[in-house]
Amino acid sequence: MTKYRVAALAGIAVLAAACSTSPAQPGPAPTPFPETASPSAAAPDGSFSVVATGDVLIHPALTEQAEADGGGKIDYRPLLAGIKPLVSGADLGICHLETPLAPEGGPYSGYPSFSAPPEIADAIKDTGYDTCSTSSNHTIDQGAEGVTRTLDKLDDVGLKHTGSARSAAEAAKPLILDVHGVKVAQVSYAFGFNGIKVPAGKPWLANQIDVDDVLAAARKARQAGAQVVIASLHWGVEYQHDPTAEQRSQAKKLLASDDVDLIVGHHAHVVQPFEKIGDKWVAYGLGNSVARHSEPKGDTEEGAAARFRFVRDGDRWKVDKAEYIPTLIKLDTPIRLIDLSTSPPSAQVTKALQDTDKNILSLNADKSGLTRPGS
């Protein structure tokens, strides 16, 4: 098995989340959004879909599983295979890579200073993602070298990225993707870096949340031709389902601007609610996509994918359909990430659906049109 540098854990308070007792049953497999053949061709119905997921947090146990799956080599693809149809079926798949990547062959490390095997990038690409946000509280765990290694690997496998940078010039260039002829920009920011100071003379290394800075980046992307701007924000309080007052205030300020169309959030490691502000959406926190905490709490294994369909509205684009698809990290051997909308009924599936429904709908997003396929 891969040897990890063991880090001491000290004084971590974990908040337990309450579980809903309201009934919830898994439904039939959802009808996917229409797919189009080529990223350069216009969508035939004048729309495009976005799927975003939560934290990709590579703990040692996930790498041990990947080694078992790869017969001694590290292969995370089986771990993520359960959500591949969901992600690859979207016109734009957005991941959040929380941890920096190690050199080929290691050394690797987990909490509190992550350095994950670079093979996770290959699996992310294989799953169908197109781009990753890379600004998180762990972005500079391995300094500037870790940032460079991470972005080099993402480039190697063909994944776009934003949130950290190898140079001032790279940081200054907006990420704009061609999604069936529509120019979609992504910006990525984090609340901070766990007390690690950004290296002197390299303020561009990783983006830290400041509403004015996020708005300036969105405006710059618009000026560069973006028709839609999506903000990926690493924020909130770990293990807390309710968004903080600061999250809600920041969301209102950002979505009040014509330059920001959608916010997708992460960091809390548990699912947080969706909210419609005006005619725009914020998913405050999508929970973990994949993780294996040393002390699993149940809700740390429950996550969600956010799926939005954008349609043209005059000379603008807006979301006309918003969905959440619950996911679950099954920790029994072999560890697997599963899409609950396509999973057979079981007590575990039912509980995860109940929990996710309760937390995502706690701000009454269902009354604003948010749906869950099969519910």
Protein backbone atom coordinates (compact mmCIF):
# COMPACT_ATOMS: atom_id res chain seq x y z
CA MET A 1 0.00 0.00 0.00
CA THR A 2 1.03 3.56 -0.57
CA LYS A 3 2.95 5.06 2.31
CA TYR A 4 1.50 8.33 3.56
CA ARG A 5 3.12 10.86 5.79
CA VAL A 6 0.98 10.69 8.89
CA ALA A 7 -0.15 14.00 10.23
CA ALA A 8 -1.24 14.51 13.82
CA LEU A 9 -4.83 15.53 14.31
CA ALA A 10 -5.54 17.83 17.20
CA GLY A 11 -8.69 19.33 18.62
CA ILE A 12 -11.07 19.10 15.65
CA ALA A 13 -14.66 19.71 16.65
CA VAL A 14 -17.15 18.04 14.33
CA LEU A 15 -20.75 19.20 14.30
CA ALA A 16 -23.34 16.44 14.03
CA ALA A 17 -26.18 17.05 11.58
CA ALA A 18 -29.78 16.17 12.31
CA CYS A 19 -31.48 13.67 10.02
CA SER A 20 -34.92 14.21 8.53
CA THR A 21 -37.70 11.78 9.35
CA SER A 22 -39.87 12.73 6.39
CA PRO A 23 -40.35 9.93 3.85
CA ALA A 24 -38.30 9.94 0.69
CA GLN A 25 -38.03 7.21 -1.90
CA PRO A 26 -35.63 6.80 -4.78
CA GLY A 27 -37.35 7.25 -8.09
CA PRO A 28 -36.68 5.98 -11.57
CA ALA A 29 -33.61 6.97 -13.51
CA PRO A 30 -33.89 10.65 -14.53
CA THR A 31 -34.39 11.72 -18.08
CA PRO A 32 -31.10 13.33 -19.10
CA PHE A 33 -30.88 16.79 -20.55
CA PRO A 34 -30.47 16.74 -24.35
CA GLU A 35 -26.91 16.02 -25.44
CA THR A 36 -25.23 17.59 -28.42
CA ALA A 37 -22.53 16.08 -30.57
CA SER A 38 -19.79 18.68 -30.74
CA PRO A 39 -18.58 21.38 -28.32
CA SER A 40 -18.19 23.74 -31.27
CA ALA A 41 -21.71 23.24 -32.64
CA ALA A 42 -24.66 25.29 -31.46
CA ALA A 43 -27.05 23.41 -29.18
CA PRO A 44 -30.03 22.37 -31.36
CA ASP A 45 -32.63 23.54 -28.82
CA GLY A 46 -30.75 26.74 -27.95
CA SER A 47 -29.77 25.49 -24.49
CA PHE A 48 -26.85 23.93 -22.67
CA SER A 49 -26.51 22.06 -19.38
CA VAL A 50 -24.02 22.41 -16.54
CA VAL A 51 -23.28 19.80 -13.87
CA ALA A 52 -21.18 20.82 -10.87
CA THR A 53 -20.13 18.64 -7.95
CA GLY A 54 -18.46 19.08 -4.56
CA ASP A 55 -15.06 18.51 -3.03
CA VAL A 56 -12.63 16.02 -4.51
CA LEU A 57 -10.71 15.40 -1.29
CA ILE A 58 -8.18 12.59 -1.60
CA HIS A 59 -7.64 10.95 1.76
CA PRO A 60 -5.22 8.00 2.14
CA ALA A 61 -8.01 5.39 2.23
CA LEU A 62 -9.18 6.46 -1.23
CA THR A 63 -5.71 5.91 -2.63
CA GLU A 64 -5.52 2.50 -0.98
CA GLN A 65 -8.80 1.65 -2.71
CA ALA A 66 -7.46 3.01 -6.01
CA GLU A 67 -4.38 0.79 -5.65
CA ALA A 68 -6.56 -2.25 -5.04
CA ASP A 69 -8.66 -1.37 -8.08
CA GLY A 70 -5.57 -0.85 -10.20
CA GLY A 71 -3.83 -4.07 -9.18
CA GLY A 72 -0.95 -2.17 -7.61
CA LYS A 73 -1.17 0.87 -9.85
CA ILE A 74 -3.27 3.83 -8.71
CA ASP A 75 -6.60 3.96 -10.58
CA TYR A 76 -9.41 6.15 -9.23
CA ARG A 77 -11.70 5.55 -12.21
CA PRO A 78 -13.71 2.74 -10.58
CA LEU A 79 -14.26 4.97 -7.55
CA LEU A 80 -15.88 7.67 -9.72
CA ALA A 81 -17.58 5.42 -12.27
CA GLY A 82 -20.98 5.70 -10.57
CA ILE A 83 -21.34 9.35 -11.55
CA LYS A 84 -19.78 9.11 -15.01
CA PRO A 85 -23.13 8.99 -16.88
CA LEU A 86 -24.32 12.03 -14.94
CA VAL A 87 -21.20 14.11 -15.51
CA SER A 88 -20.43 13.05 -19.06
CA GLY A 89 -24.07 13.66 -20.01
CA ALA A 90 -23.70 17.38 -19.29
CA ASP A 91 -22.54 19.93 -21.83
CA LEU A 92 -20.20 21.36 -19.19
CA GLY A 93 -18.90 19.35 -16.23
CA ILE A 94 -17.34 21.31 -13.35
CA CYS A 95 -15.30 19.63 -10.60
CA HIS A 96 -13.69 21.10 -7.51
CA LEU A 97 -10.18 19.74 -6.99
CA GLU A 98 -9.49 20.69 -3.40
CA THR A 99 -6.03 19.22 -2.94
CA PRO A 100 -2.70 19.92 -4.65
CA LEU A 101 -1.11 17.05 -6.55
CA ALA A 102 2.12 15.29 -5.68
CA PRO A 103 4.96 14.33 -8.03
CA GLU A 104 4.55 11.01 -9.86
CA GLY A 105 5.28 8.28 -7.32
CA GLY A 106 4.87 10.55 -4.30
CA PRO A 107 5.44 11.22 -1.53
CA TYR A 108 1.73 11.58 -0.81
CA SER A 109 0.07 13.03 2.27
CA GLY A 110 -3.39 13.52 3.72
CA TYR A 111 -4.77 15.90 6.33
CA PRO A 112 -3.68 18.50 7.31
CA SER A 113 -1.26 19.17 4.45
CA PHE A 114 -2.50 17.37 1.36
CA SER A 115 -0.45 16.11 -1.55
CA ALA A 116 -2.58 13.76 -3.63
CA PRO A 117 -1.52 11.25 -6.28
CA PRO A 118 -1.69 12.89 -9.71
CA GLU A 119 -3.66 9.92 -11.07
CA ILE A 120 -6.81 11.54 -9.68
CA ALA A 121 -6.66 14.02 -12.57
CA ASP A 122 -6.80 11.18 -15.10
CA ALA A 123 -9.91 9.82 -13.38
CA ILE A 124 -11.58 13.24 -13.25
CA LYS A 125 -11.05 13.62 -16.98
CA ASP A 126 -12.30 10.09 -17.68
CA THR A 127 -15.46 10.78 -15.67
CA GLY A 128 -16.39 13.53 -18.11
CA TYR A 129 -15.41 16.74 -16.38
CA ASP A 130 -14.26 19.65 -18.52
CA THR A 131 -12.90 22.08 -15.92
CA CYS A 132 -11.90 22.22 -12.26
CA SER A 133 -11.90 25.03 -9.73
CA THR A 134 -8.62 24.89 -7.82
CA SER A 135 -8.87 27.61 -5.17
CA SER A 136 -9.43 26.05 -1.74
CA ASN A 137 -8.10 26.28 1.77
CA HIS A 138 -5.57 23.58 0.77
CA THR A 139 -4.39 25.11 -2.53
CA ILE A 140 -1.00 26.15 -1.20
CA ASP A 141 -0.44 23.23 1.20
CA GLN A 142 2.63 22.35 -0.88
CA GLY A 143 3.60 25.92 -1.79
CA ALA A 144 4.11 27.27 -5.27
CA GLU A 145 5.62 23.95 -6.38
CA GLY A 146 2.37 22.16 -5.52
CA VAL A 147 0.33 24.68 -7.49
CA THR A 148 2.60 24.27 -10.51
CA ARG A 149 2.50 20.46 -10.36
CA THR A 150 -1.28 20.49 -10.08
CA LEU A 151 -1.87 22.79 -13.02
CA ASP A 152 0.73 21.05 -15.16
CA LYS A 153 -1.04 17.73 -14.59
CA LEU A 154 -4.46 19.20 -15.37
CA ASP A 155 -3.01 20.58 -18.59
CA ASP A 156 -1.53 17.18 -19.41
CA VAL A 157 -4.88 15.40 -19.18
CA GLY A 158 -6.83 18.15 -20.95
CA LEU A 159 -8.74 19.66 -18.02
CA LYS A 160 -9.27 23.41 -17.88
CA HIS A 161 -8.73 25.10 -14.53
CA THR A 162 -9.08 28.38 -12.65
CA GLY A 163 -8.51 29.63 -9.11
CA SER A 164 -4.75 29.22 -8.88
CA ALA A 165 -1.99 30.18 -11.27
CA ARG A 166 1.67 29.66 -12.14
CA SER A 167 2.29 33.29 -13.11
CA ALA A 168 0.75 36.72 -12.98
CA ALA A 169 -0.01 36.49 -16.69
CA GLU A 170 -1.90 33.23 -16.25
CA ALA A 171 -3.87 34.62 -13.32
CA ALA A 172 -4.85 37.69 -15.34
CA LYS A 173 -6.31 35.67 -18.22
CA PRO A 174 -9.99 34.73 -17.78
CA LEU A 175 -10.97 31.11 -18.27
CA ILE A 176 -13.58 31.06 -21.03
CA LEU A 177 -14.89 27.77 -22.40
CA ASP A 178 -16.74 27.19 -25.66
CA VAL A 179 -19.89 25.25 -24.74
CA HIS A 180 -21.74 24.50 -27.98
CA GLY A 181 -20.92 27.92 -29.31
CA VAL A 182 -21.68 29.76 -26.04
CA LYS A 183 -18.77 31.44 -24.24
CA VAL A 184 -18.92 30.36 -20.59
CA ALA A 185 -16.43 31.73 -18.04
CA GLN A 186 -15.55 30.25 -14.68
CA VAL A 187 -13.96 32.07 -11.75
CA SER A 188 -12.77 30.38 -8.55
CA TYR A 189 -12.09 31.84 -5.09
CA ALA A 190 -11.54 30.53 -1.54
CA PHE A 191 -12.10 32.12 1.86
CA GLY A 192 -8.46 31.55 2.90
CA PHE A 193 -5.59 29.09 3.13
CA ASN A 194 -5.62 27.72 6.69
CA GLY A 195 -3.26 30.40 7.90
CA ILE A 196 -0.60 29.67 5.28
CA LYS A 197 0.70 32.91 3.84
CA VAL A 198 0.78 33.30 0.09
CA PRO A 199 4.49 33.43 -0.85
CA ALA A 200 5.92 36.93 -1.02
CA GLY A 201 5.75 38.45 -4.47
CA LYS A 202 3.19 35.89 -5.68
CA PRO A 203 -0.24 37.30 -4.78
CA TRP A 204 -1.62 35.71 -7.95
CA LEU A 205 -0.81 32.16 -6.80
CA ALA A 206 -4.33 31.49 -5.41
CA ASN A 207 -7.53 33.55 -5.36
CA GLN A 208 -8.97 34.63 -2.01
CA ILE A 209 -12.61 35.71 -1.73
CA ASP A 210 -13.30 39.41 -1.79
CA VAL A 211 -16.60 40.36 -3.38
CA ASP A 212 -15.07 43.27 -5.28
CA ASP A 213 -12.32 41.02 -6.64
CA VAL A 214 -14.80 38.35 -7.75
CA LEU A 215 -16.91 40.98 -9.48
CA ALA A 216 -13.86 42.48 -11.15
CA ALA A 217 -12.87 39.05 -12.47
CA ALA A 218 -16.40 38.42 -13.74
CA ARG A 219 -16.44 41.82 -15.44
CA LYS A 220 -13.09 41.13 -17.06
CA ALA A 221 -14.42 37.81 -18.38
CA ARG A 222 -17.42 39.61 -19.86
CA GLN A 223 -15.15 42.10 -21.53
CA ALA A 224 -13.21 39.16 -22.99
CA GLY A 225 -16.38 37.82 -24.57
CA ALA A 226 -18.03 35.64 -21.91
CA GLN A 227 -21.79 35.31 -22.27
CA VAL A 228 -22.22 33.39 -18.99
CA VAL A 229 -20.09 33.62 -15.83
CA ILE A 230 -20.10 30.90 -13.17
CA ALA A 231 -18.46 31.55 -9.79
CA SER A 232 -17.02 28.58 -7.88
CA LEU A 233 -16.67 29.59 -4.23
CA HIS A 234 -14.91 27.68 -1.45
CA TRP A 235 -16.60 29.12 1.64
CA GLY A 236 -18.73 28.53 4.72
CA VAL A 237 -18.09 26.55 7.90
CA GLU A 238 -17.02 22.91 7.81
CA TYR A 239 -19.69 20.35 8.82
CA GLN A 240 -22.36 23.06 9.08
CA HIS A 241 -25.38 22.59 6.81
CA ASP A 242 -26.65 26.14 7.17
CA PRO A 243 -24.91 28.79 5.08
CA THR A 244 -23.37 31.54 7.14
CA ALA A 245 -24.65 35.10 7.13
CA GLU A 246 -21.49 36.01 5.23
CA GLN A 247 -22.16 33.42 2.51
CA ARG A 248 -25.71 34.70 2.03
CA SER A 249 -24.58 38.32 1.98
CA GLN A 250 -21.82 37.60 -0.53
CA ALA A 251 -24.20 35.63 -2.74
CA LYS A 252 -26.70 38.49 -2.83
CA LYS A 253 -24.01 41.02 -3.75
CA LEU A 254 -22.55 38.82 -6.47
CA LEU A 255 -25.84 37.80 -8.03
CA ALA A 256 -27.08 41.39 -8.00
CA SER A 257 -24.44 42.06 -10.65
CA ASP A 258 -25.17 41.51 -14.33
CA ASP A 259 -21.71 39.97 -14.56
CA VAL A 260 -22.38 36.82 -12.45
CA ASP A 261 -24.98 34.26 -13.52
CA LEU A 262 -24.56 31.34 -11.12
CA ILE A 263 -22.71 30.39 -7.91
CA VAL A 264 -21.67 26.85 -7.00
CA GLY A 265 -20.11 26.33 -3.58
CA HIS A 266 -18.05 23.82 -1.63
CA HIS A 267 -15.84 23.41 1.46
CA ALA A 268 -18.29 22.45 4.24
CA HIS A 269 -17.97 18.68 3.46
CA VAL A 270 -21.73 18.43 4.02
CA VAL A 271 -24.60 19.49 1.79
CA GLN A 272 -25.88 23.05 2.12
CA PRO A 273 -29.06 24.52 0.60
CA PHE A 274 -29.78 25.97 -2.80
CA GLU A 275 -31.42 29.39 -3.06
CA LYS A 276 -32.85 31.43 -5.91
CA ILE A 277 -31.94 35.10 -5.56
CA GLY A 278 -33.85 37.18 -8.06
CA ASP A 279 -33.76 35.01 -11.17
CA LYS A 280 -30.35 33.43 -10.42
CA TRP A 281 -29.26 30.41 -8.40
CA VAL A 282 -26.70 29.72 -5.71
CA ALA A 283 -25.83 26.22 -4.51
CA TYR A 284 -24.18 27.13 -1.22
CA GLY A 285 -22.43 23.80 -0.74
CA LEU A 286 -22.48 20.52 -2.65
CA GLY A 287 -20.83 18.47 0.09
CA ASN A 288 -18.10 15.99 -0.68
CA SER A 289 -17.89 14.46 -4.09
CA VAL A 290 -15.28 11.95 -2.92
CA ALA A 291 -13.60 11.82 0.49
CA ARG A 292 -12.89 9.35 3.28
CA HIS A 293 -12.62 11.27 6.53
CA SER A 294 -10.85 9.60 9.45
CA GLU A 295 -14.12 9.92 11.38
CA PRO A 296 -16.99 9.60 8.89
CA LYS A 297 -20.18 11.21 10.17
CA GLY A 298 -22.71 9.94 7.66
CA ASP A 299 -23.52 13.37 6.28
CA THR A 300 -19.89 13.74 5.16
CA GLU A 301 -20.58 10.89 2.73
CA GLU A 302 -23.75 12.53 1.38
CA GLY A 303 -23.26 14.94 -1.49
CA ALA A 304 -25.09 16.40 -4.45
CA ALA A 305 -24.54 17.28 -8.06
CA ALA A 306 -26.13 20.52 -9.21
CA ARG A 307 -27.54 20.50 -12.73
CA PHE A 308 -28.66 23.68 -14.46
CA ARG A 309 -30.03 24.24 -17.95
CA PHE A 310 -29.29 27.62 -19.51
CA VAL A 311 -31.48 29.07 -22.26
CA ARG A 312 -31.20 32.25 -24.25
CA ASP A 313 -33.27 35.18 -23.01
CA GLY A 314 -32.86 37.98 -25.54
CA ASP A 315 -29.17 38.83 -25.57
CA ARG A 316 -28.59 37.10 -22.21
CA TRP A 317 -28.62 33.53 -20.90
CA LYS A 318 -30.57 32.38 -17.86
CA VAL A 319 -31.27 29.16 -15.96
CA ASP A 320 -34.68 27.79 -16.83
CA LYS A 321 -34.29 24.41 -15.08
CA ALA A 322 -32.49 23.69 -11.80
CA GLU A 323 -32.01 20.21 -10.35
CA TYR A 324 -30.05 18.46 -7.65
CA ILE A 325 -28.97 14.83 -7.88
CA PRO A 326 -28.02 13.26 -4.52
CA THR A 327 -24.83 11.21 -4.36
CA LEU A 328 -23.34 8.93 -1.72
CA ILE A 329 -19.85 7.68 -0.93
CA LYS A 330 -20.32 4.04 0.04
CA LEU A 331 -17.49 3.28 2.44
CA ASP A 332 -17.90 -0.48 2.61
CA THR A 333 -15.33 -2.32 0.50
CA PRO A 334 -14.91 -1.40 -2.28
CA ILE A 335 -15.37 2.32 -1.67
CA ARG A 336 -17.59 3.73 -4.42
CA LEU A 337 -19.29 7.03 -5.28
CA ILE A 338 -22.86 6.39 -6.42
CA ASP A 339 -25.65 8.40 -8.04
CA LEU A 340 -28.67 7.91 -5.78
CA SER A 341 -31.14 8.78 -8.55
CA THR A 342 -30.19 5.53 -10.31
CA SER A 343 -29.51 3.36 -7.24
CA PRO A 344 -31.69 0.42 -6.12
CA PRO A 345 -33.81 1.14 -3.01
CA SER A 346 -32.26 0.36 0.36
CA ALA A 347 -32.37 1.73 3.88
CA GLN A 348 -29.06 3.55 3.28
CA VAL A 349 -30.26 5.09 0.02
CA THR A 350 -33.56 6.20 1.55
CA LYS A 351 -31.84 7.84 4.52
CA ALA A 352 -29.36 9.66 2.28
CA LEU A 353 -32.20 10.96 0.11
CA GLN A 354 -34.10 12.14 3.18
CA ASP A 355 -31.05 13.93 4.56
CA THR A 356 -30.17 15.56 1.26
CA ASP A 357 -33.73 16.67 0.55
CA LYS A 358 -33.97 18.24 4.00
CA ASN A 359 -30.70 20.15 3.75
CA ILE A 360 -30.91 21.31 0.15
CA LEU A 361 -34.52 22.47 0.49
CA SER A 362 -34.12 24.17 3.89
CA LEU A 363 -34.41 27.61 2.26
CA ASN A 364 -37.50 26.50 0.28
CA ALA A 365 -35.73 26.25 -3.07
CA ASP A 366 -38.38 23.78 -4.20
CA LYS A 367 -40.90 26.63 -4.14
CA SER A 368 -38.62 28.48 -6.57
CA GLY A 369 -38.56 25.56 -8.99
CA LEU A 370 -35.67 23.35 -7.80
CA THR A 371 -36.40 19.67 -8.43
CA ARG A 372 -34.85 16.26 -7.82
CA PRO A 373 -35.13 13.76 -10.67
CA GLY A 374 -37.35 10.84 -9.73
CA SER A 375 -38.85 12.50 -6.64
